[in-house]
Amino acid sequence: LPREAAESAPWIDVRDLHFAYPDGHEALRGVSLAVHRGEKVALVGPNGAGKSTLMLHLNGIREPSSGAIRIGDITVDRKNVRRVRAEVGLVFQDPDDQLFSPTVFDDVAFGPMHMGLPEVEVRDRVTRALASVGMAGFEKRLPHHLSLGQRKRIAMATVLSMNPSVLVFDEPSAGLDPRGRRELIGLLESLPQTMLVST
């Protein structure tokens, strides 16, 4: 593509996406959307509208019945799933679905370690990711001893340590008090990545 065309092309490009669960329930019916690089977009709708299902398609956890998804120049499909997951960081609504290691450091280091990065790079990524979510100094803490808001930030750091170009948040403010919600919104606004947030 010429440079101008590449810059105007959507970074997240979903075309006529359909998905039905094995029981026949059609969760997505002809969904199309385009999000440009650096944009922050809210996906708003009631429970059961298909927001989470759509988000699980963006990094290849779910496969569409029909339709197509591209992230940058990568088609989201089975053969590209590793590349897609490096580009698209998905943060689940419940941080306990994402945190499973004995320490915060281990949780945040998990992705970079499995990318085969050298130890120095892994440590650097953990330090930067934790600092970016206001959790520097928590490396040795036990995740299950932290507050919900702190666990949500650590879950975000686990994704940020992978340096994705896209961040996808499934109801990030669920369960937070008003102060925690304000802090989280400020944090999301400060992050440079292309972002899709469901609420």
N, C-alpha and C. Protein backbone atom coordinates (compact mmCIF):
# COMPACT_ATOMS: atom_id res chain seq x y z
N LEU A 1 0.84 -1.21 0.00
CA LEU A 1 0.00 0.00 0.00
C LEU A 1 0.87 1.25 0.00
N PRO A 2 0.48 2.30 -0.72
CA PRO A 2 1.17 3.58 -0.57
C PRO A 2 1.03 4.07 0.86
N ARG A 3 1.99 4.89 1.31
CA ARG A 3 2.01 5.31 2.71
C ARG A 3 0.70 5.98 3.14
N GLU A 4 0.16 6.86 2.27
CA GLU A 4 -1.08 7.58 2.63
C GLU A 4 -2.24 6.60 2.82
N ALA A 5 -2.32 5.59 1.93
CA ALA A 5 -3.40 4.61 2.04
C ALA A 5 -3.24 3.78 3.30
N ALA A 6 -2.00 3.41 3.63
CA ALA A 6 -1.76 2.61 4.83
C ALA A 6 -2.14 3.40 6.08
N GLU A 7 -1.85 4.71 6.08
CA GLU A 7 -2.16 5.53 7.25
C GLU A 7 -3.66 5.73 7.41
N SER A 8 -4.42 5.70 6.30
CA SER A 8 -5.86 5.93 6.40
C SER A 8 -6.63 4.62 6.59
N ALA A 9 -5.96 3.49 6.39
CA ALA A 9 -6.63 2.19 6.56
C ALA A 9 -6.91 1.95 8.05
N PRO A 10 -8.04 1.33 8.37
CA PRO A 10 -8.33 1.05 9.78
C PRO A 10 -7.31 0.08 10.37
N TRP A 11 -6.99 0.26 11.65
CA TRP A 11 -6.08 -0.66 12.33
C TRP A 11 -6.85 -1.91 12.79
N ILE A 12 -8.08 -1.72 13.26
CA ILE A 12 -8.98 -2.84 13.54
C ILE A 12 -10.06 -2.78 12.46
N ASP A 13 -10.16 -3.83 11.66
CA ASP A 13 -11.12 -3.84 10.56
C ASP A 13 -11.95 -5.12 10.64
N VAL A 14 -13.21 -4.98 11.03
CA VAL A 14 -14.13 -6.12 11.16
C VAL A 14 -15.17 -5.99 10.07
N ARG A 15 -15.33 -7.06 9.27
CA ARG A 15 -16.25 -7.00 8.14
C ARG A 15 -17.27 -8.12 8.19
N ASP A 16 -18.54 -7.74 8.32
CA ASP A 16 -19.68 -8.67 8.21
C ASP A 16 -19.48 -9.94 9.05
N LEU A 17 -19.15 -9.73 10.31
CA LEU A 17 -18.83 -10.84 11.21
C LEU A 17 -20.11 -11.51 11.72
N HIS A 18 -20.14 -12.83 11.59
CA HIS A 18 -21.24 -13.65 12.11
C HIS A 18 -20.64 -14.70 13.01
N PHE A 19 -21.35 -14.99 14.12
CA PHE A 19 -20.91 -16.06 15.01
C PHE A 19 -22.11 -16.65 15.72
N ALA A 20 -22.19 -17.98 15.71
CA ALA A 20 -23.25 -18.69 16.43
C ALA A 20 -22.59 -19.70 17.36
N TYR A 21 -23.12 -19.79 18.57
CA TYR A 21 -22.63 -20.79 19.53
C TYR A 21 -23.13 -22.17 19.11
N PRO A 22 -22.49 -23.25 19.63
CA PRO A 22 -22.90 -24.61 19.25
C PRO A 22 -24.40 -24.90 19.46
N ASP A 23 -25.02 -24.22 20.43
CA ASP A 23 -26.45 -24.46 20.67
C ASP A 23 -27.34 -23.74 19.65
N GLY A 24 -26.69 -23.03 18.70
CA GLY A 24 -27.44 -22.34 17.65
C GLY A 24 -27.71 -20.88 17.93
N HIS A 25 -27.43 -20.41 19.16
CA HIS A 25 -27.66 -18.99 19.49
C HIS A 25 -26.72 -18.12 18.66
N GLU A 26 -27.32 -17.21 17.87
CA GLU A 26 -26.51 -16.31 17.04
C GLU A 26 -26.14 -15.07 17.85
N ALA A 27 -24.87 -14.98 18.23
CA ALA A 27 -24.42 -13.88 19.09
C ALA A 27 -24.01 -12.66 18.28
N LEU A 28 -23.49 -12.87 17.07
CA LEU A 28 -23.09 -11.76 16.20
C LEU A 28 -23.72 -11.97 14.83
N ARG A 29 -24.32 -10.89 14.33
CA ARG A 29 -25.02 -10.99 13.05
C ARG A 29 -24.63 -9.80 12.18
N GLY A 30 -23.62 -10.01 11.33
CA GLY A 30 -23.23 -8.98 10.37
C GLY A 30 -22.57 -7.76 10.98
N VAL A 31 -21.69 -7.97 11.98
CA VAL A 31 -21.02 -6.86 12.65
C VAL A 31 -19.87 -6.35 11.78
N SER A 32 -19.84 -5.05 11.56
CA SER A 32 -18.72 -4.41 10.86
C SER A 32 -18.31 -3.18 11.66
N LEU A 33 -17.00 -2.99 11.80
CA LEU A 33 -16.51 -1.77 12.43
C LEU A 33 -15.08 -1.51 12.01
N ALA A 34 -14.70 -0.25 12.04
CA ALA A 34 -13.35 0.16 11.70
C ALA A 34 -12.85 1.11 12.77
N VAL A 35 -11.69 0.80 13.32
CA VAL A 35 -11.06 1.64 14.34
C VAL A 35 -9.67 1.99 13.83
N HIS A 36 -9.37 3.27 13.76
CA HIS A 36 -8.06 3.70 13.26
C HIS A 36 -7.02 3.71 14.36
N ARG A 37 -5.77 3.67 13.95
CA ARG A 37 -4.66 3.59 14.90
C ARG A 37 -4.72 4.78 15.86
N GLY A 38 -4.62 4.47 17.16
CA GLY A 38 -4.63 5.51 18.18
C GLY A 38 -6.01 5.89 18.67
N GLU A 39 -7.06 5.45 17.99
CA GLU A 39 -8.43 5.77 18.43
C GLU A 39 -8.79 4.97 19.68
N LYS A 40 -9.65 5.55 20.50
CA LYS A 40 -10.20 4.88 21.68
C LYS A 40 -11.71 4.84 21.49
N VAL A 41 -12.26 3.63 21.39
CA VAL A 41 -13.67 3.47 21.06
C VAL A 41 -14.36 2.67 22.14
N ALA A 42 -15.55 3.15 22.55
CA ALA A 42 -16.37 2.41 23.52
C ALA A 42 -17.39 1.57 22.77
N LEU A 43 -17.55 0.34 23.23
CA LEU A 43 -18.54 -0.57 22.69
C LEU A 43 -19.62 -0.68 23.76
N VAL A 44 -20.78 -0.06 23.50
CA VAL A 44 -21.81 0.08 24.52
C VAL A 44 -23.03 -0.77 24.17
N GLY A 45 -23.53 -1.49 25.16
CA GLY A 45 -24.73 -2.28 24.93
C GLY A 45 -25.08 -3.07 26.18
N PRO A 46 -26.30 -3.60 26.22
CA PRO A 46 -26.74 -4.35 27.39
C PRO A 46 -26.04 -5.71 27.48
N ASN A 47 -26.11 -6.33 28.66
CA ASN A 47 -25.58 -7.69 28.81
C ASN A 47 -26.26 -8.59 27.80
N GLY A 48 -25.47 -9.49 27.21
CA GLY A 48 -26.02 -10.42 26.23
C GLY A 48 -26.08 -9.88 24.82
N ALA A 49 -25.59 -8.65 24.59
CA ALA A 49 -25.65 -8.06 23.25
C ALA A 49 -24.56 -8.60 22.33
N GLY A 50 -23.55 -9.27 22.89
CA GLY A 50 -22.48 -9.83 22.05
C GLY A 50 -21.16 -9.09 22.14
N LYS A 51 -21.04 -8.13 23.08
CA LYS A 51 -19.80 -7.35 23.20
C LYS A 51 -18.60 -8.24 23.50
N SER A 52 -18.73 -9.08 24.52
CA SER A 52 -17.62 -9.96 24.90
C SER A 52 -17.30 -10.95 23.79
N THR A 53 -18.31 -11.46 23.14
CA THR A 53 -18.10 -12.40 22.03
C THR A 53 -17.30 -11.74 20.92
N LEU A 54 -17.66 -10.50 20.58
CA LEU A 54 -16.91 -9.76 19.56
C LEU A 54 -15.45 -9.60 19.98
N MET A 55 -15.25 -9.22 21.23
CA MET A 55 -13.88 -8.99 21.71
C MET A 55 -13.03 -10.27 21.65
N LEU A 56 -13.64 -11.40 21.94
CA LEU A 56 -12.90 -12.67 21.90
C LEU A 56 -12.51 -13.04 20.47
N HIS A 57 -13.17 -12.46 19.48
CA HIS A 57 -12.79 -12.69 18.09
C HIS A 57 -11.54 -11.88 17.71
N LEU A 58 -11.32 -10.75 18.37
CA LEU A 58 -10.26 -9.84 17.96
C LEU A 58 -8.86 -10.41 18.18
N ASN A 59 -8.71 -11.35 19.12
CA ASN A 59 -7.39 -11.97 19.23
C ASN A 59 -7.42 -13.47 19.00
N GLY A 60 -8.47 -13.93 18.33
CA GLY A 60 -8.49 -15.31 17.87
C GLY A 60 -8.94 -16.35 18.87
N ILE A 61 -9.48 -15.93 20.02
CA ILE A 61 -10.00 -16.91 20.98
C ILE A 61 -11.24 -17.58 20.39
N ARG A 62 -12.08 -16.79 19.73
CA ARG A 62 -13.24 -17.32 19.01
C ARG A 62 -12.99 -17.19 17.51
N GLU A 63 -13.56 -18.10 16.74
CA GLU A 63 -13.47 -18.04 15.28
C GLU A 63 -14.85 -17.75 14.72
N PRO A 64 -14.95 -16.83 13.75
CA PRO A 64 -16.26 -16.47 13.21
C PRO A 64 -16.88 -17.59 12.38
N SER A 65 -18.20 -17.60 12.35
CA SER A 65 -18.91 -18.49 11.43
C SER A 65 -18.68 -18.00 10.01
N SER A 66 -18.68 -16.67 9.84
CA SER A 66 -18.34 -16.05 8.55
C SER A 66 -17.94 -14.61 8.82
N GLY A 67 -17.33 -13.98 7.82
CA GLY A 67 -16.83 -12.62 7.97
C GLY A 67 -15.32 -12.63 8.13
N ALA A 68 -14.75 -11.44 8.27
CA ALA A 68 -13.29 -11.32 8.33
C ALA A 68 -12.88 -10.23 9.31
N ILE A 69 -11.70 -10.44 9.91
CA ILE A 69 -11.13 -9.47 10.85
C ILE A 69 -9.67 -9.29 10.48
N ARG A 70 -9.24 -8.02 10.46
CA ARG A 70 -7.82 -7.71 10.27
C ARG A 70 -7.38 -6.78 11.39
N ILE A 71 -6.17 -7.02 11.87
CA ILE A 71 -5.52 -6.12 12.83
C ILE A 71 -4.26 -5.64 12.12
N GLY A 72 -4.22 -4.34 11.76
CA GLY A 72 -3.12 -3.85 10.94
C GLY A 72 -3.12 -4.61 9.63
N ASP A 73 -1.99 -5.26 9.31
CA ASP A 73 -1.93 -6.03 8.06
C ASP A 73 -2.07 -7.53 8.29
N ILE A 74 -2.53 -7.92 9.49
CA ILE A 74 -2.64 -9.33 9.84
C ILE A 74 -4.11 -9.77 9.79
N THR A 75 -4.39 -10.81 9.03
CA THR A 75 -5.73 -11.41 9.04
C THR A 75 -5.83 -12.29 10.29
N VAL A 76 -6.90 -12.11 11.05
CA VAL A 76 -7.10 -12.93 12.25
C VAL A 76 -7.63 -14.29 11.81
N ASP A 77 -6.76 -15.28 11.86
CA ASP A 77 -7.15 -16.65 11.56
C ASP A 77 -6.21 -17.60 12.30
N ARG A 78 -6.45 -18.89 12.15
CA ARG A 78 -5.73 -19.89 12.93
C ARG A 78 -4.22 -19.83 12.70
N LYS A 79 -3.81 -19.61 11.45
CA LYS A 79 -2.37 -19.64 11.16
C LYS A 79 -1.63 -18.41 11.68
N ASN A 80 -2.36 -17.33 11.92
CA ASN A 80 -1.73 -16.09 12.40
C ASN A 80 -1.98 -15.83 13.89
N VAL A 81 -2.52 -16.80 14.61
CA VAL A 81 -2.99 -16.54 15.97
C VAL A 81 -1.88 -16.04 16.90
N ARG A 82 -0.66 -16.54 16.76
CA ARG A 82 0.44 -16.06 17.62
C ARG A 82 0.76 -14.59 17.36
N ARG A 83 0.81 -14.22 16.08
CA ARG A 83 1.07 -12.82 15.72
C ARG A 83 -0.06 -11.92 16.20
N VAL A 84 -1.30 -12.39 16.03
CA VAL A 84 -2.46 -11.60 16.44
C VAL A 84 -2.43 -11.36 17.95
N ARG A 85 -2.13 -12.41 18.71
CA ARG A 85 -2.13 -12.26 20.18
C ARG A 85 -1.00 -11.38 20.68
N ALA A 86 0.06 -11.25 19.89
CA ALA A 86 1.13 -10.30 20.25
C ALA A 86 0.68 -8.86 19.98
N GLU A 87 -0.22 -8.68 19.02
CA GLU A 87 -0.70 -7.34 18.66
C GLU A 87 -1.89 -6.89 19.49
N VAL A 88 -2.74 -7.85 19.89
CA VAL A 88 -4.00 -7.51 20.56
C VAL A 88 -3.96 -8.02 22.00
N GLY A 89 -3.91 -7.09 22.95
CA GLY A 89 -3.93 -7.43 24.36
C GLY A 89 -5.36 -7.37 24.88
N LEU A 90 -5.86 -8.50 25.36
CA LEU A 90 -7.23 -8.59 25.86
C LEU A 90 -7.21 -8.64 27.38
N VAL A 91 -7.90 -7.69 28.01
CA VAL A 91 -8.00 -7.64 29.47
C VAL A 91 -9.42 -8.02 29.85
N PHE A 92 -9.55 -9.13 30.56
CA PHE A 92 -10.87 -9.66 30.91
C PHE A 92 -11.52 -8.83 32.01
N GLN A 93 -12.85 -8.96 32.13
CA GLN A 93 -13.61 -8.23 33.14
C GLN A 93 -13.15 -8.60 34.55
N ASP A 94 -12.93 -9.88 34.78
CA ASP A 94 -12.50 -10.35 36.10
C ASP A 94 -11.00 -10.58 36.08
N PRO A 95 -10.21 -9.79 36.83
CA PRO A 95 -8.76 -9.95 36.78
C PRO A 95 -8.30 -11.33 37.24
N ASP A 96 -9.12 -12.02 38.03
CA ASP A 96 -8.73 -13.35 38.49
C ASP A 96 -8.73 -14.37 37.35
N ASP A 97 -9.32 -14.02 36.20
CA ASP A 97 -9.23 -14.88 35.02
C ASP A 97 -7.86 -14.74 34.36
N GLN A 98 -7.11 -13.70 34.75
CA GLN A 98 -5.85 -13.39 34.10
C GLN A 98 -4.65 -13.59 35.03
N LEU A 99 -4.88 -13.55 36.33
CA LEU A 99 -3.77 -13.62 37.30
C LEU A 99 -3.75 -15.01 37.93
N PHE A 100 -2.65 -15.71 37.77
CA PHE A 100 -2.59 -17.09 38.26
C PHE A 100 -1.23 -17.44 38.87
N SER A 101 -0.28 -16.51 38.88
CA SER A 101 1.08 -16.81 39.35
C SER A 101 1.22 -16.45 40.82
N PRO A 102 2.29 -16.95 41.46
CA PRO A 102 2.46 -16.67 42.89
C PRO A 102 2.79 -15.21 43.20
N THR A 103 3.44 -14.48 42.28
CA THR A 103 3.76 -13.07 42.54
C THR A 103 3.33 -12.22 41.35
N VAL A 104 3.22 -10.92 41.61
CA VAL A 104 2.90 -9.95 40.56
C VAL A 104 3.96 -10.02 39.46
N PHE A 105 5.24 -10.08 39.84
CA PHE A 105 6.31 -10.15 38.84
C PHE A 105 6.08 -11.34 37.91
N ASP A 106 5.81 -12.51 38.47
CA ASP A 106 5.63 -13.71 37.66
C ASP A 106 4.46 -13.56 36.68
N ASP A 107 3.36 -12.94 37.15
CA ASP A 107 2.21 -12.74 36.27
C ASP A 107 2.57 -11.84 35.10
N VAL A 108 3.21 -10.71 35.39
CA VAL A 108 3.51 -9.73 34.34
C VAL A 108 4.61 -10.25 33.41
N ALA A 109 5.51 -11.07 33.93
CA ALA A 109 6.62 -11.60 33.14
C ALA A 109 6.20 -12.79 32.27
N PHE A 110 5.05 -13.38 32.55
CA PHE A 110 4.65 -14.62 31.88
C PHE A 110 4.68 -14.51 30.35
N GLY A 111 4.03 -13.49 29.81
CA GLY A 111 3.96 -13.32 28.35
C GLY A 111 5.33 -13.11 27.72
N PRO A 112 6.10 -12.11 28.18
CA PRO A 112 7.43 -11.90 27.59
C PRO A 112 8.35 -13.12 27.71
N MET A 113 8.25 -13.85 28.84
CA MET A 113 9.08 -15.05 28.98
C MET A 113 8.72 -16.08 27.92
N HIS A 114 7.42 -16.24 27.66
CA HIS A 114 6.99 -17.23 26.67
C HIS A 114 7.19 -16.76 25.24
N MET A 115 7.56 -15.49 25.07
CA MET A 115 7.97 -14.99 23.76
C MET A 115 9.44 -15.34 23.52
N GLY A 116 10.11 -15.85 24.57
CA GLY A 116 11.51 -16.23 24.43
C GLY A 116 12.46 -15.05 24.56
N LEU A 117 12.01 -13.96 25.18
CA LEU A 117 12.88 -12.79 25.33
C LEU A 117 13.95 -13.05 26.39
N PRO A 118 15.11 -12.40 26.25
CA PRO A 118 16.15 -12.55 27.28
C PRO A 118 15.69 -12.00 28.62
N GLU A 119 16.26 -12.51 29.70
CA GLU A 119 15.84 -12.16 31.06
C GLU A 119 15.89 -10.64 31.31
N VAL A 120 16.92 -9.99 30.79
CA VAL A 120 17.05 -8.53 31.00
C VAL A 120 15.87 -7.80 30.36
N GLU A 121 15.49 -8.22 29.16
CA GLU A 121 14.36 -7.60 28.46
C GLU A 121 13.05 -7.88 29.20
N VAL A 122 12.89 -9.10 29.71
CA VAL A 122 11.69 -9.46 30.47
C VAL A 122 11.57 -8.56 31.68
N ARG A 123 12.66 -8.41 32.44
CA ARG A 123 12.64 -7.55 33.64
C ARG A 123 12.30 -6.11 33.28
N ASP A 124 12.88 -5.63 32.18
CA ASP A 124 12.63 -4.25 31.75
C ASP A 124 11.15 -4.07 31.39
N ARG A 125 10.58 -5.05 30.67
CA ARG A 125 9.18 -4.95 30.29
C ARG A 125 8.26 -4.98 31.51
N VAL A 126 8.58 -5.82 32.49
CA VAL A 126 7.78 -5.88 33.73
C VAL A 126 7.83 -4.53 34.43
N THR A 127 9.03 -3.97 34.57
CA THR A 127 9.19 -2.68 35.25
C THR A 127 8.38 -1.59 34.55
N ARG A 128 8.50 -1.52 33.21
CA ARG A 128 7.79 -0.49 32.46
C ARG A 128 6.28 -0.68 32.52
N ALA A 129 5.81 -1.93 32.40
CA ALA A 129 4.37 -2.20 32.41
C ALA A 129 3.77 -1.83 33.77
N LEU A 130 4.44 -2.22 34.85
CA LEU A 130 3.92 -1.89 36.19
C LEU A 130 3.93 -0.39 36.43
N ALA A 131 4.98 0.29 35.98
CA ALA A 131 5.04 1.75 36.15
C ALA A 131 3.91 2.43 35.37
N SER A 132 3.60 1.92 34.18
CA SER A 132 2.58 2.55 33.35
C SER A 132 1.18 2.45 33.94
N VAL A 133 0.96 1.48 34.84
CA VAL A 133 -0.35 1.35 35.48
C VAL A 133 -0.31 1.77 36.95
N GLY A 134 0.77 2.45 37.35
CA GLY A 134 0.88 2.96 38.71
C GLY A 134 1.09 1.89 39.76
N MET A 135 1.72 0.77 39.39
CA MET A 135 1.93 -0.34 40.33
C MET A 135 3.41 -0.68 40.50
N ALA A 136 4.30 0.27 40.24
CA ALA A 136 5.73 0.04 40.45
C ALA A 136 5.95 -0.31 41.92
N GLY A 137 6.86 -1.25 42.18
CA GLY A 137 7.17 -1.65 43.53
C GLY A 137 6.31 -2.81 44.05
N PHE A 138 5.37 -3.29 43.24
CA PHE A 138 4.48 -4.38 43.66
C PHE A 138 4.97 -5.75 43.18
N GLU A 139 6.17 -5.82 42.60
CA GLU A 139 6.66 -7.05 41.97
C GLU A 139 6.58 -8.27 42.88
N LYS A 140 6.90 -8.12 44.16
CA LYS A 140 6.96 -9.29 45.06
C LYS A 140 5.64 -9.57 45.78
N ARG A 141 4.64 -8.73 45.53
CA ARG A 141 3.35 -8.91 46.21
C ARG A 141 2.60 -10.11 45.65
N LEU A 142 1.69 -10.65 46.45
CA LEU A 142 0.85 -11.76 46.04
C LEU A 142 -0.43 -11.18 45.42
N PRO A 143 -0.73 -11.52 44.17
CA PRO A 143 -1.90 -10.91 43.52
C PRO A 143 -3.20 -11.09 44.28
N HIS A 144 -3.41 -12.26 44.89
CA HIS A 144 -4.70 -12.47 45.57
C HIS A 144 -4.82 -11.70 46.88
N HIS A 145 -3.74 -11.02 47.31
CA HIS A 145 -3.81 -10.17 48.50
C HIS A 145 -4.10 -8.71 48.16
N LEU A 146 -4.23 -8.40 46.87
CA LEU A 146 -4.45 -7.02 46.44
C LEU A 146 -5.94 -6.72 46.30
N SER A 147 -6.28 -5.44 46.30
CA SER A 147 -7.67 -5.02 46.11
C SER A 147 -8.09 -5.29 44.66
N LEU A 148 -9.39 -5.24 44.41
CA LEU A 148 -9.90 -5.45 43.05
C LEU A 148 -9.28 -4.45 42.08
N GLY A 149 -9.25 -3.18 42.46
CA GLY A 149 -8.67 -2.15 41.58
C GLY A 149 -7.21 -2.42 41.28
N GLN A 150 -6.45 -2.85 42.30
CA GLN A 150 -5.04 -3.17 42.09
C GLN A 150 -4.88 -4.39 41.18
N ARG A 151 -5.73 -5.41 41.38
CA ARG A 151 -5.66 -6.60 40.53
C ARG A 151 -6.00 -6.26 39.08
N LYS A 152 -6.95 -5.34 38.88
CA LYS A 152 -7.28 -4.91 37.52
C LYS A 152 -6.07 -4.24 36.87
N ARG A 153 -5.35 -3.42 37.64
CA ARG A 153 -4.16 -2.76 37.10
C ARG A 153 -3.07 -3.78 36.76
N ILE A 154 -2.90 -4.78 37.62
CA ILE A 154 -1.90 -5.82 37.36
C ILE A 154 -2.29 -6.60 36.11
N ALA A 155 -3.58 -6.91 35.96
CA ALA A 155 -4.04 -7.61 34.75
C ALA A 155 -3.72 -6.78 33.51
N MET A 156 -3.89 -5.46 33.59
CA MET A 156 -3.53 -4.58 32.48
C MET A 156 -2.03 -4.66 32.20
N ALA A 157 -1.23 -4.69 33.27
CA ALA A 157 0.23 -4.75 33.10
C ALA A 157 0.65 -6.05 32.42
N THR A 158 -0.07 -7.16 32.70
CA THR A 158 0.29 -8.43 32.06
C THR A 158 0.15 -8.32 30.54
N VAL A 159 -0.80 -7.52 30.09
CA VAL A 159 -1.01 -7.32 28.66
C VAL A 159 -0.02 -6.29 28.12
N LEU A 160 0.19 -5.20 28.85
CA LEU A 160 1.10 -4.15 28.39
C LEU A 160 2.54 -4.65 28.26
N SER A 161 2.92 -5.64 29.06
CA SER A 161 4.29 -6.17 28.99
C SER A 161 4.57 -6.84 27.64
N MET A 162 3.52 -7.14 26.89
CA MET A 162 3.67 -7.75 25.56
C MET A 162 3.82 -6.70 24.45
N ASN A 163 3.71 -5.42 24.82
CA ASN A 163 3.80 -4.30 23.86
C ASN A 163 2.80 -4.43 22.70
N PRO A 164 1.52 -4.65 23.01
CA PRO A 164 0.54 -4.77 21.91
C PRO A 164 0.23 -3.41 21.30
N SER A 165 -0.25 -3.42 20.06
CA SER A 165 -0.66 -2.16 19.42
C SER A 165 -2.13 -1.87 19.71
N VAL A 166 -2.87 -2.92 20.14
CA VAL A 166 -4.30 -2.78 20.42
C VAL A 166 -4.58 -3.30 21.82
N LEU A 167 -5.38 -2.56 22.58
CA LEU A 167 -5.84 -3.00 23.89
C LEU A 167 -7.36 -3.16 23.83
N VAL A 168 -7.84 -4.29 24.30
CA VAL A 168 -9.27 -4.58 24.33
C VAL A 168 -9.66 -4.85 25.78
N PHE A 169 -10.58 -4.06 26.30
CA PHE A 169 -11.00 -4.17 27.69
C PHE A 169 -12.47 -4.57 27.76
N ASP A 170 -12.73 -5.65 28.47
CA ASP A 170 -14.11 -6.11 28.65
C ASP A 170 -14.61 -5.58 30.00
N GLU A 171 -15.44 -4.57 29.97
CA GLU A 171 -16.02 -3.95 31.17
C GLU A 171 -14.98 -3.71 32.26
N PRO A 172 -13.99 -2.86 31.98
CA PRO A 172 -12.88 -2.68 32.92
C PRO A 172 -13.27 -2.06 34.26
N SER A 173 -14.37 -1.29 34.30
CA SER A 173 -14.73 -0.62 35.56
C SER A 173 -15.70 -1.43 36.41
N ALA A 174 -16.09 -2.64 35.95
CA ALA A 174 -17.04 -3.46 36.71
C ALA A 174 -16.51 -3.74 38.11
N GLY A 175 -17.35 -3.48 39.11
CA GLY A 175 -16.99 -3.78 40.49
C GLY A 175 -16.19 -2.71 41.20
N LEU A 176 -15.78 -1.66 40.48
CA LEU A 176 -14.99 -0.60 41.11
C LEU A 176 -15.89 0.47 41.71
N ASP A 177 -15.42 1.09 42.80
CA ASP A 177 -16.15 2.20 43.38
C ASP A 177 -15.91 3.45 42.51
N PRO A 178 -16.64 4.56 42.77
CA PRO A 178 -16.50 5.74 41.90
C PRO A 178 -15.06 6.25 41.78
N ARG A 179 -14.33 6.25 42.89
CA ARG A 179 -12.93 6.72 42.83
C ARG A 179 -12.09 5.79 41.95
N GLY A 180 -12.26 4.48 42.14
CA GLY A 180 -11.53 3.51 41.33
C GLY A 180 -11.87 3.64 39.86
N ARG A 181 -13.14 3.94 39.58
CA ARG A 181 -13.58 4.12 38.20
C ARG A 181 -12.91 5.34 37.57
N ARG A 182 -12.87 6.44 38.32
CA ARG A 182 -12.22 7.67 37.81
C ARG A 182 -10.74 7.42 37.54
N GLU A 183 -10.07 6.74 38.48
CA GLU A 183 -8.64 6.45 38.30
C GLU A 183 -8.41 5.59 37.07
N LEU A 184 -9.28 4.60 36.88
CA LEU A 184 -9.13 3.71 35.73
C LEU A 184 -9.35 4.46 34.42
N ILE A 185 -10.35 5.33 34.38
CA ILE A 185 -10.60 6.12 33.16
C ILE A 185 -9.39 6.99 32.84
N GLY A 186 -8.82 7.62 33.87
CA GLY A 186 -7.62 8.43 33.66
C GLY A 186 -6.46 7.59 33.12
N LEU A 187 -6.32 6.39 33.64
CA LEU A 187 -5.27 5.50 33.18
C LEU A 187 -5.48 5.10 31.72
N LEU A 188 -6.72 4.74 31.36
CA LEU A 188 -7.00 4.35 29.98
C LEU A 188 -6.74 5.51 29.02
N GLU A 189 -7.09 6.73 29.44
CA GLU A 189 -6.86 7.90 28.59
C GLU A 189 -5.38 8.14 28.37
N SER A 190 -4.54 7.75 29.33
CA SER A 190 -3.10 8.03 29.23
C SER A 190 -2.36 7.02 28.35
N LEU A 191 -2.97 5.88 28.06
CA LEU A 191 -2.28 4.85 27.29
C LEU A 191 -2.35 5.18 25.79
N PRO A 192 -1.26 4.99 25.05
CA PRO A 192 -1.22 5.41 23.64
C PRO A 192 -1.84 4.42 22.65
N GLN A 193 -2.12 3.20 23.08
CA GLN A 193 -2.56 2.17 22.14
C GLN A 193 -3.96 2.44 21.58
N THR A 194 -4.23 1.85 20.42
CA THR A 194 -5.58 1.79 19.88
C THR A 194 -6.39 0.97 20.88
N MET A 195 -7.61 1.41 21.16
CA MET A 195 -8.33 0.80 22.27
C MET A 195 -9.81 0.59 21.95
N LEU A 196 -10.30 -0.58 22.36
CA LEU A 196 -11.72 -0.88 22.27
C LEU A 196 -12.15 -1.29 23.68
N VAL A 197 -13.12 -0.57 24.23
CA VAL A 197 -13.54 -0.78 25.61
C VAL A 197 -15.04 -1.06 25.64
N SER A 198 -15.44 -2.19 26.21
CA SER A 198 -16.87 -2.47 26.30
C SER A 198 -17.40 -2.01 27.65
N THR A 199 -18.64 -1.57 27.64
CA THR A 199 -19.27 -1.13 28.88
C THR A 199 -20.78 -1.30 28.76
